[in-house]
Amino acid sequence: MKKIYITGSFTVEAAIITSIVLFTILGIMSLSFFMHDYSVEKSKAYHKATSSLEPPVKYIWAYQATRNLKSENNQTSERNHYED
């Protein structure tokens, strides 16, 4: 029976390729986590910056109607308070 010997160069080559593949996969995962966090923070900043602005022109009629209702309710409640 003939014995088969594996040379040391094969082991070294496998170790190098395995480490390169492993670090590449970990780098891609790390980059994807970073990009996810970046997009979440950018979305939060955009929402925070635009939440204090007036509504878009498309919905301005609804915005004005609710403001008018609030002001009318305040005026009628003040009138009722003074009439008592």
PDB file of N, CA and C in Angstrom:
ATOM      1  N   MET A   1       0.831  -1.159   0.000  1.00  0.00           N
ATOM      2  CA  MET A   1       0.000   0.000   0.000  1.00  0.00           C
ATOM      3  C   MET A   1       0.890   1.241   0.000  1.00  0.00           C
ATOM      4  N   LYS A   2       0.569   2.135  -0.897  1.00  0.00           N
ATOM      5  CA  LYS A   2       1.378   3.324  -1.064  1.00  0.00           C
ATOM      6  C   LYS A   2       0.785   4.465  -0.228  1.00  0.00           C
ATOM      7  N   LYS A   3       1.592   5.135   0.544  1.00  0.00           N
ATOM      8  CA  LYS A   3       1.148   6.263   1.361  1.00  0.00           C
ATOM      9  C   LYS A   3       1.186   7.547   0.538  1.00  0.00           C
ATOM     10  N   ILE A   4       0.182   8.370   0.741  1.00  0.00           N
ATOM     11  CA  ILE A   4       0.127   9.655   0.044  1.00  0.00           C
ATOM     12  C   ILE A   4       0.477  10.739   1.060  1.00  0.00           C
ATOM     13  N   TYR A   5       1.437  11.531   0.697  1.00  0.00           N
ATOM     14  CA  TYR A   5       1.864  12.631   1.557  1.00  0.00           C
ATOM     15  C   TYR A   5       1.412  13.957   0.952  1.00  0.00           C
ATOM     16  N   ILE A   6       0.879  14.815   1.806  1.00  0.00           N
ATOM     17  CA  ILE A   6       0.493  16.146   1.355  1.00  0.00           C
ATOM     18  C   ILE A   6       1.640  17.076   1.722  1.00  0.00           C
ATOM     19  N   THR A   7       2.039  17.838   0.759  1.00  0.00           N
ATOM     20  CA  THR A   7       3.154  18.744   1.016  1.00  0.00           C
ATOM     21  C   THR A   7       2.689  19.943   1.821  1.00  0.00           C
ATOM     22  N   GLY A   8       3.620  20.616   2.418  1.00  0.00           N
ATOM     23  CA  GLY A   8       3.311  21.777   3.254  1.00  0.00           C
ATOM     24  C   GLY A   8       2.788  22.955   2.469  1.00  0.00           C
ATOM     25  N   SER A   9       3.117  23.046   1.201  1.00  0.00           N
ATOM     26  CA  SER A   9       2.666  24.191   0.404  1.00  0.00           C
ATOM     27  C   SER A   9       1.148  24.179   0.225  1.00  0.00           C
ATOM     28  N   PHE A  10       0.548  23.025   0.143  1.00  0.00           N
ATOM     29  CA  PHE A  10      -0.900  22.917   0.022  1.00  0.00           C
ATOM     30  C   PHE A  10      -1.580  23.454   1.284  1.00  0.00           C
ATOM     31  N   THR A  11      -1.074  23.144   2.446  1.00  0.00           N
ATOM     32  CA  THR A  11      -1.633  23.595   3.718  1.00  0.00           C
ATOM     33  C   THR A  11      -1.518  25.108   3.845  1.00  0.00           C
ATOM     34  N   VAL A  12      -0.386  25.641   3.483  1.00  0.00           N
ATOM     35  CA  VAL A  12      -0.175  27.093   3.557  1.00  0.00           C
ATOM     36  C   VAL A  12      -1.112  27.807   2.581  1.00  0.00           C
ATOM     37  N   GLU A  13      -1.249  27.273   1.374  1.00  0.00           N
ATOM     38  CA  GLU A  13      -2.127  27.877   0.379  1.00  0.00           C
ATOM     39  C   GLU A  13      -3.584  27.851   0.840  1.00  0.00           C
ATOM     40  N   ALA A  14      -4.020  26.759   1.420  1.00  0.00           N
ATOM     41  CA  ALA A  14      -5.390  26.663   1.924  1.00  0.00           C
ATOM     42  C   ALA A  14      -5.621  27.652   3.067  1.00  0.00           C
ATOM     43  N   ALA A  15      -4.647  27.829   3.936  1.00  0.00           N
ATOM     44  CA  ALA A  15      -4.782  28.778   5.049  1.00  0.00           C
ATOM     45  C   ALA A  15      -4.889  30.215   4.535  1.00  0.00           C
ATOM     46  N   ILE A  16      -4.124  30.552   3.530  1.00  0.00           N
ATOM     47  CA  ILE A  16      -4.164  31.904   2.974  1.00  0.00           C
ATOM     48  C   ILE A  16      -5.502  32.160   2.282  1.00  0.00           C
ATOM     49  N   ILE A  17      -5.942  31.220   1.475  1.00  0.00           N
ATOM     50  CA  ILE A  17      -7.211  31.400   0.762  1.00  0.00           C
ATOM     51  C   ILE A  17      -8.379  31.453   1.738  1.00  0.00           C
ATOM     52  N   THR A  18      -8.360  30.610   2.760  1.00  0.00           N
ATOM     53  CA  THR A  18      -9.437  30.616   3.755  1.00  0.00           C
ATOM     54  C   THR A  18      -9.492  31.950   4.492  1.00  0.00           C
ATOM     55  N   SER A  19      -8.338  32.467   4.878  1.00  0.00           N
ATOM     56  CA  SER A  19      -8.334  33.747   5.597  1.00  0.00           C
ATOM     57  C   SER A  19      -8.794  34.893   4.697  1.00  0.00           C
ATOM     58  N   ILE A  20      -8.415  34.880   3.423  1.00  0.00           N
ATOM     59  CA  ILE A  20      -8.860  35.925   2.503  1.00  0.00           C
ATOM     60  C   ILE A  20     -10.368  35.867   2.312  1.00  0.00           C
ATOM     61  N   VAL A  21     -10.914  34.685   2.111  1.00  0.00           N
ATOM     62  CA  VAL A  21     -12.361  34.534   1.926  1.00  0.00           C
ATOM     63  C   VAL A  21     -13.100  34.946   3.196  1.00  0.00           C
ATOM     64  N   LEU A  22     -12.607  34.532   4.346  1.00  0.00           N
ATOM     65  CA  LEU A  22     -13.259  34.867   5.609  1.00  0.00           C
ATOM     66  C   LEU A  22     -13.266  36.372   5.842  1.00  0.00           C
ATOM     67  N   PHE A  23     -12.135  37.035   5.649  1.00  0.00           N
ATOM     68  CA  PHE A  23     -12.075  38.487   5.861  1.00  0.00           C
ATOM     69  C   PHE A  23     -12.904  39.243   4.832  1.00  0.00           C
ATOM     70  N   THR A  24     -13.007  38.726   3.621  1.00  0.00           N
ATOM     71  CA  THR A  24     -13.857  39.363   2.611  1.00  0.00           C
ATOM     72  C   THR A  24     -15.322  39.286   3.015  1.00  0.00           C
ATOM     73  N   ILE A  25     -15.763  38.144   3.471  1.00  0.00           N
ATOM     74  CA  ILE A  25     -17.161  37.990   3.907  1.00  0.00           C
ATOM     75  C   ILE A  25     -17.444  38.882   5.115  1.00  0.00           C
ATOM     76  N   LEU A  26     -16.532  38.911   6.075  1.00  0.00           N
ATOM     77  CA  LEU A  26     -16.725  39.760   7.249  1.00  0.00           C
ATOM     78  C   LEU A  26     -16.715  41.242   6.870  1.00  0.00           C
ATOM     79  N   GLY A  27     -15.881  41.619   5.915  1.00  0.00           N
ATOM     80  CA  GLY A  27     -15.844  43.007   5.456  1.00  0.00           C
ATOM     81  C   GLY A  27     -17.143  43.414   4.777  1.00  0.00           C
ATOM     82  N   ILE A  28     -17.695  42.540   3.972  1.00  0.00           N
ATOM     83  CA  ILE A  28     -18.967  42.831   3.313  1.00  0.00           C
ATOM     84  C   ILE A  28     -20.087  42.949   4.337  1.00  0.00           C
ATOM     85  N   MET A  29     -20.097  42.082   5.331  1.00  0.00           N
ATOM     86  CA  MET A  29     -21.114  42.165   6.382  1.00  0.00           C
ATOM     87  C   MET A  29     -20.972  43.461   7.181  1.00  0.00           C
ATOM     88  N   SER A  30     -19.743  43.819   7.513  1.00  0.00           N
ATOM     89  CA  SER A  30     -19.509  45.050   8.263  1.00  0.00           C
ATOM     90  C   SER A  30     -19.935  46.274   7.463  1.00  0.00           C
ATOM     91  N   LEU A  31     -19.632  46.286   6.177  1.00  0.00           N
ATOM     92  CA  LEU A  31     -20.033  47.391   5.317  1.00  0.00           C
ATOM     93  C   LEU A  31     -21.553  47.481   5.201  1.00  0.00           C
ATOM     94  N   SER A  32     -22.219  46.343   5.135  1.00  0.00           N
ATOM     95  CA  SER A  32     -23.683  46.366   5.039  1.00  0.00           C
ATOM     96  C   SER A  32     -24.315  46.891   6.330  1.00  0.00           C
ATOM     97  N   PHE A  33     -23.763  46.537   7.489  1.00  0.00           N
ATOM     98  CA  PHE A  33     -24.264  47.080   8.755  1.00  0.00           C
ATOM     99  C   PHE A  33     -24.040  48.590   8.819  1.00  0.00           C
ATOM    100  N   PHE A  34     -22.877  49.033   8.378  1.00  0.00           N
ATOM    101  CA  PHE A  34     -22.573  50.464   8.375  1.00  0.00           C
ATOM    102  C   PHE A  34     -23.531  51.221   7.460  1.00  0.00           C
ATOM    103  N   MET A  35     -23.785  50.695   6.270  1.00  0.00           N
ATOM    104  CA  MET A  35     -24.680  51.369   5.332  1.00  0.00           C
ATOM    105  C   MET A  35     -26.120  51.386   5.864  1.00  0.00           C
ATOM    106  N   HIS A  36     -26.529  50.335   6.557  1.00  0.00           N
ATOM    107  CA  HIS A  36     -27.863  50.308   7.160  1.00  0.00           C
ATOM    108  C   HIS A  36     -27.983  51.394   8.224  1.00  0.00           C
ATOM    109  N   ASP A  37     -27.004  51.470   9.117  1.00  0.00           N
ATOM    110  CA  ASP A  37     -27.033  52.487  10.165  1.00  0.00           C
ATOM    111  C   ASP A  37     -27.005  53.892   9.572  1.00  0.00           C
ATOM    112  N   TYR A  38     -26.205  54.090   8.537  1.00  0.00           N
ATOM    113  CA  TYR A  38     -26.106  55.389   7.884  1.00  0.00           C
ATOM    114  C   TYR A  38     -27.450  55.797   7.288  1.00  0.00           C
ATOM    115  N   SER A  39     -28.114  54.873   6.615  1.00  0.00           N
ATOM    116  CA  SER A  39     -29.397  55.206   5.998  1.00  0.00           C
ATOM    117  C   SER A  39     -30.476  55.457   7.045  1.00  0.00           C
ATOM    118  N   VAL A  40     -30.452  54.738   8.150  1.00  0.00           N
ATOM    119  CA  VAL A  40     -31.425  54.968   9.221  1.00  0.00           C
ATOM    120  C   VAL A  40     -31.222  56.356   9.826  1.00  0.00           C
ATOM    121  N   GLU A  41     -29.974  56.727  10.106  1.00  0.00           N
ATOM    122  CA  GLU A  41     -29.697  58.037  10.682  1.00  0.00           C
ATOM    123  C   GLU A  41     -30.033  59.157   9.707  1.00  0.00           C
ATOM    124  N   LYS A  42     -29.763  58.950   8.432  1.00  0.00           N
ATOM    125  CA  LYS A  42     -30.094  59.958   7.432  1.00  0.00           C
ATOM    126  C   LYS A  42     -31.607  60.125   7.337  1.00  0.00           C
ATOM    127  N   SER A  43     -32.344  59.026   7.412  1.00  0.00           N
ATOM    128  CA  SER A  43     -33.802  59.093   7.378  1.00  0.00           C
ATOM    129  C   SER A  43     -34.346  59.818   8.600  1.00  0.00           C
ATOM    130  N   LYS A  44     -33.780  59.552   9.766  1.00  0.00           N
ATOM    131  CA  LYS A  44     -34.209  60.242  10.985  1.00  0.00           C
ATOM    132  C   LYS A  44     -33.954  61.747  10.879  1.00  0.00           C
ATOM    133  N   ALA A  45     -32.790  62.115  10.353  1.00  0.00           N
ATOM    134  CA  ALA A  45     -32.453  63.530  10.212  1.00  0.00           C
ATOM    135  C   ALA A  45     -33.392  64.216   9.226  1.00  0.00           C
ATOM    136  N   TYR A  46     -33.703  63.551   8.126  1.00  0.00           N
ATOM    137  CA  TYR A  46     -34.624  64.122   7.142  1.00  0.00           C
ATOM    138  C   TYR A  46     -36.007  64.298   7.746  1.00  0.00           C
ATOM    139  N   HIS A  47     -36.463  63.297   8.471  1.00  0.00           N
ATOM    140  CA  HIS A  47     -37.794  63.375   9.090  1.00  0.00           C
ATOM    141  C   HIS A  47     -37.834  64.498  10.123  1.00  0.00           C
ATOM    142  N   LYS A  48     -36.778  64.621  10.910  1.00  0.00           N
ATOM    143  CA  LYS A  48     -36.730  65.658  11.929  1.00  0.00           C
ATOM    144  C   LYS A  48     -36.703  67.045  11.298  1.00  0.00           C
ATOM    145  N   ALA A  49     -35.974  67.182  10.190  1.00  0.00           N
ATOM    146  CA  ALA A  49     -35.862  68.483   9.536  1.00  0.00           C
ATOM    147  C   ALA A  49     -37.161  68.886   8.848  1.00  0.00           C
ATOM    148  N   THR A  50     -37.891  67.932   8.309  1.00  0.00           N
ATOM    149  CA  THR A  50     -39.097  68.271   7.569  1.00  0.00           C
ATOM    150  C   THR A  50     -40.368  68.200   8.410  1.00  0.00           C
ATOM    151  N   SER A  51     -40.302  67.676   9.607  1.00  0.00           N
ATOM    152  CA  SER A  51     -41.520  67.549  10.415  1.00  0.00           C
ATOM    153  C   SER A  51     -42.005  68.893  10.944  1.00  0.00           C
ATOM    154  N   SER A  52     -41.105  69.868  11.078  1.00  0.00           N
ATOM    155  CA  SER A  52     -41.513  71.163  11.607  1.00  0.00           C
ATOM    156  C   SER A  52     -41.967  72.115  10.512  1.00  0.00           C
ATOM    157  N   LEU A  53     -41.834  71.723   9.262  1.00  0.00           N
ATOM    158  CA  LEU A  53     -42.257  72.579   8.164  1.00  0.00           C
ATOM    159  C   LEU A  53     -43.757  72.464   7.941  1.00  0.00           C
ATOM    160  N   GLU A  54     -44.288  73.401   7.185  1.00  0.00           N
ATOM    161  CA  GLU A  54     -45.705  73.330   6.844  1.00  0.00           C
ATOM    162  C   GLU A  54     -45.934  72.171   5.897  1.00  0.00           C
ATOM    163  N   PRO A  55     -47.164  71.681   5.823  1.00  0.00           N
ATOM    164  CA  PRO A  55     -47.440  70.538   4.957  1.00  0.00           C
ATOM    165  C   PRO A  55     -47.286  70.912   3.484  1.00  0.00           C
ATOM    166  N   PRO A  56     -47.167  69.924   2.619  1.00  0.00           N
ATOM    167  CA  PRO A  56     -47.031  70.214   1.193  1.00  0.00           C
ATOM    168  C   PRO A  56     -48.263  70.931   0.652  1.00  0.00           C
ATOM    169  N   VAL A  57     -48.111  71.587  -0.472  1.00  0.00           N
ATOM    170  CA  VAL A  57     -49.194  72.368  -1.070  1.00  0.00           C
ATOM    171  C   VAL A  57     -50.401  71.481  -1.355  1.00  0.00           C
ATOM    172  N   LYS A  58     -50.163  70.251  -1.680  1.00  0.00           N
ATOM    173  CA  LYS A  58     -51.233  69.319  -2.001  1.00  0.00           C
ATOM    174  C   LYS A  58     -52.223  69.156  -0.840  1.00  0.00           C
ATOM    175  N   TYR A  59     -51.748  69.266   0.386  1.00  0.00           N
ATOM    176  CA  TYR A  59     -52.599  69.074   1.553  1.00  0.00           C
ATOM    177  C   TYR A  59     -52.859  70.383   2.300  1.00  0.00           C
ATOM    178  N   ILE A  60     -52.574  71.512   1.682  1.00  0.00           N
ATOM    179  CA  ILE A  60     -52.681  72.782   2.389  1.00  0.00           C
ATOM    180  C   ILE A  60     -54.125  73.097   2.758  1.00  0.00           C
ATOM    181  N   TRP A  61     -55.084  72.658   1.941  1.00  0.00           N
ATOM    182  CA  TRP A  61     -56.485  72.934   2.256  1.00  0.00           C
ATOM    183  C   TRP A  61     -56.906  72.232   3.537  1.00  0.00           C
ATOM    184  N   ALA A  62     -56.428  71.005   3.752  1.00  0.00           N
ATOM    185  CA  ALA A  62     -56.778  70.279   4.977  1.00  0.00           C
ATOM    186  C   ALA A  62     -56.108  70.927   6.177  1.00  0.00           C
ATOM    187  N   TYR A  63     -54.880  71.388   5.987  1.00  0.00           N
ATOM    188  CA  TYR A  63     -54.152  72.043   7.067  1.00  0.00           C
ATOM    189  C   TYR A  63     -54.857  73.333   7.480  1.00  0.00           C
ATOM    190  N   GLN A  64     -55.263  74.118   6.487  1.00  0.00           N
ATOM    191  CA  GLN A  64     -55.946  75.373   6.794  1.00  0.00           C
ATOM    192  C   GLN A  64     -57.307  75.115   7.428  1.00  0.00           C
ATOM    193  N   ALA A  65     -58.002  74.089   6.984  1.00  0.00           N
ATOM    194  CA  ALA A  65     -59.311  73.777   7.555  1.00  0.00           C
ATOM    195  C   ALA A  65     -59.187  73.394   9.024  1.00  0.00           C
ATOM    196  N   THR A  66     -58.187  72.611   9.370  1.00  0.00           N
ATOM    197  CA  THR A  66     -58.026  72.227  10.778  1.00  0.00           C
ATOM    198  C   THR A  66     -57.609  73.418  11.618  1.00  0.00           C
ATOM    199  N   ARG A  67     -56.818  74.318  11.069  1.00  0.00           N
ATOM    200  CA  ARG A  67     -56.448  75.521  11.824  1.00  0.00           C
ATOM    201  C   ARG A  67     -57.663  76.393  12.061  1.00  0.00           C
ATOM    202  N   ASN A  68     -58.526  76.517  11.041  1.00  0.00           N
ATOM    203  CA  ASN A  68     -59.740  77.322  11.198  1.00  0.00           C
ATOM    204  C   ASN A  68     -60.666  76.708  12.239  1.00  0.00           C
ATOM    205  N   LEU A  69     -60.793  75.383  12.248  1.00  0.00           N
ATOM    206  CA  LEU A  69     -61.647  74.727  13.236  1.00  0.00           C
ATOM    207  C   LEU A  69     -61.119  74.941  14.644  1.00  0.00           C
ATOM    208  N   LYS A  70     -59.807  74.849  14.799  1.00  0.00           N
ATOM    209  CA  LYS A  70     -59.225  75.055  16.130  1.00  0.00           C
ATOM    210  C   LYS A  70     -59.470  76.478  16.606  1.00  0.00           C
ATOM    211  N   SER A  71     -59.288  77.448  15.718  1.00  0.00           N
ATOM    212  CA  SER A  71     -59.489  78.837  16.127  1.00  0.00           C
ATOM    213  C   SER A  71     -60.965  79.110  16.415  1.00  0.00           C
ATOM    214  N   GLU A  72     -61.889  78.513  15.643  1.00  0.00           N
ATOM    215  CA  GLU A  72     -63.317  78.683  15.909  1.00  0.00           C
ATOM    216  C   GLU A  72     -63.704  78.055  17.240  1.00  0.00           C
ATOM    217  N   ASN A  73     -63.159  76.887  17.555  1.00  0.00           N
ATOM    218  CA  ASN A  73     -63.456  76.229  18.834  1.00  0.00           C
ATOM    219  C   ASN A  73     -62.961  77.064  19.998  1.00  0.00           C
ATOM    220  N   ASN A  74     -61.796  77.663  19.861  1.00  0.00           N
ATOM    221  CA  ASN A  74     -61.270  78.503  20.940  1.00  0.00           C
ATOM    222  C   ASN A  74     -62.135  79.739  21.131  1.00  0.00           C
ATOM    223  N   GLN A  75     -62.605  80.340  20.047  1.00  0.00           N
ATOM    224  CA  GLN A  75     -63.443  81.541  20.164  1.00  0.00           C
ATOM    225  C   GLN A  75     -64.794  81.221  20.794  1.00  0.00           C
ATOM    226  N   THR A  76     -65.407  80.099  20.393  1.00  0.00           N
ATOM    227  CA  THR A  76     -66.714  79.753  20.958  1.00  0.00           C
ATOM    228  C   THR A  76     -66.584  79.370  22.430  1.00  0.00           C
ATOM    229  N   SER A  77     -65.512  78.712  22.805  1.00  0.00           N
ATOM    230  CA  SER A  77     -65.366  78.346  24.206  1.00  0.00           C
ATOM    231  C   SER A  77     -65.127  79.579  25.063  1.00  0.00           C
ATOM    232  N   GLU A  78     -64.431  80.565  24.496  1.00  0.00           N
ATOM    233  CA  GLU A  78     -64.237  81.811  25.260  1.00  0.00           C
ATOM    234  C   GLU A  78     -65.558  82.547  25.393  1.00  0.00           C
ATOM    235  N   ARG A  79     -66.367  82.580  24.320  1.00  0.00           N
ATOM    236  CA  ARG A  79     -67.663  83.243  24.389  1.00  0.00           C
ATOM    237  C   ARG A  79     -68.558  82.574  25.419  1.00  0.00           C
ATOM    238  N   ASN A  80     -68.590  81.244  25.404  1.00  0.00           N
ATOM    239  CA  ASN A  80     -69.431  80.519  26.367  1.00  0.00           C
ATOM    240  C   ASN A  80     -68.974  80.761  27.785  1.00  0.00           C
ATOM    241  N   HIS A  81     -67.689  80.892  27.984  1.00  0.00           N
ATOM    242  CA  HIS A  81     -67.138  81.102  29.324  1.00  0.00           C
ATOM    243  C   HIS A  81     -67.575  82.469  29.853  1.00  0.00           C
ATOM    244  N   TYR A  82     -67.572  83.487  28.973  1.00  0.00           N
ATOM    245  CA  TYR A  82     -67.957  84.806  29.432  1.00  0.00           C
ATOM    246  C   TYR A  82     -69.466  84.990  29.556  1.00  0.00           C
ATOM    247  N   GLU A  83     -70.255  84.169  28.864  1.00  0.00           N
ATOM    248  CA  GLU A  83     -71.702  84.310  28.932  1.00  0.00           C
ATOM    249  C   GLU A  83     -72.275  83.731  30.222  1.00  0.00           C
ATOM    250  N   ASP A  84     -71.544  82.876  30.883  1.00  0.00           N
ATOM    251  CA  ASP A  84     -72.066  82.244  32.126  1.00  0.00           C
ATOM    252  C   ASP A  84     -72.191  83.181  33.246  1.00  0.00           C
TER     253      ASP A  84
END
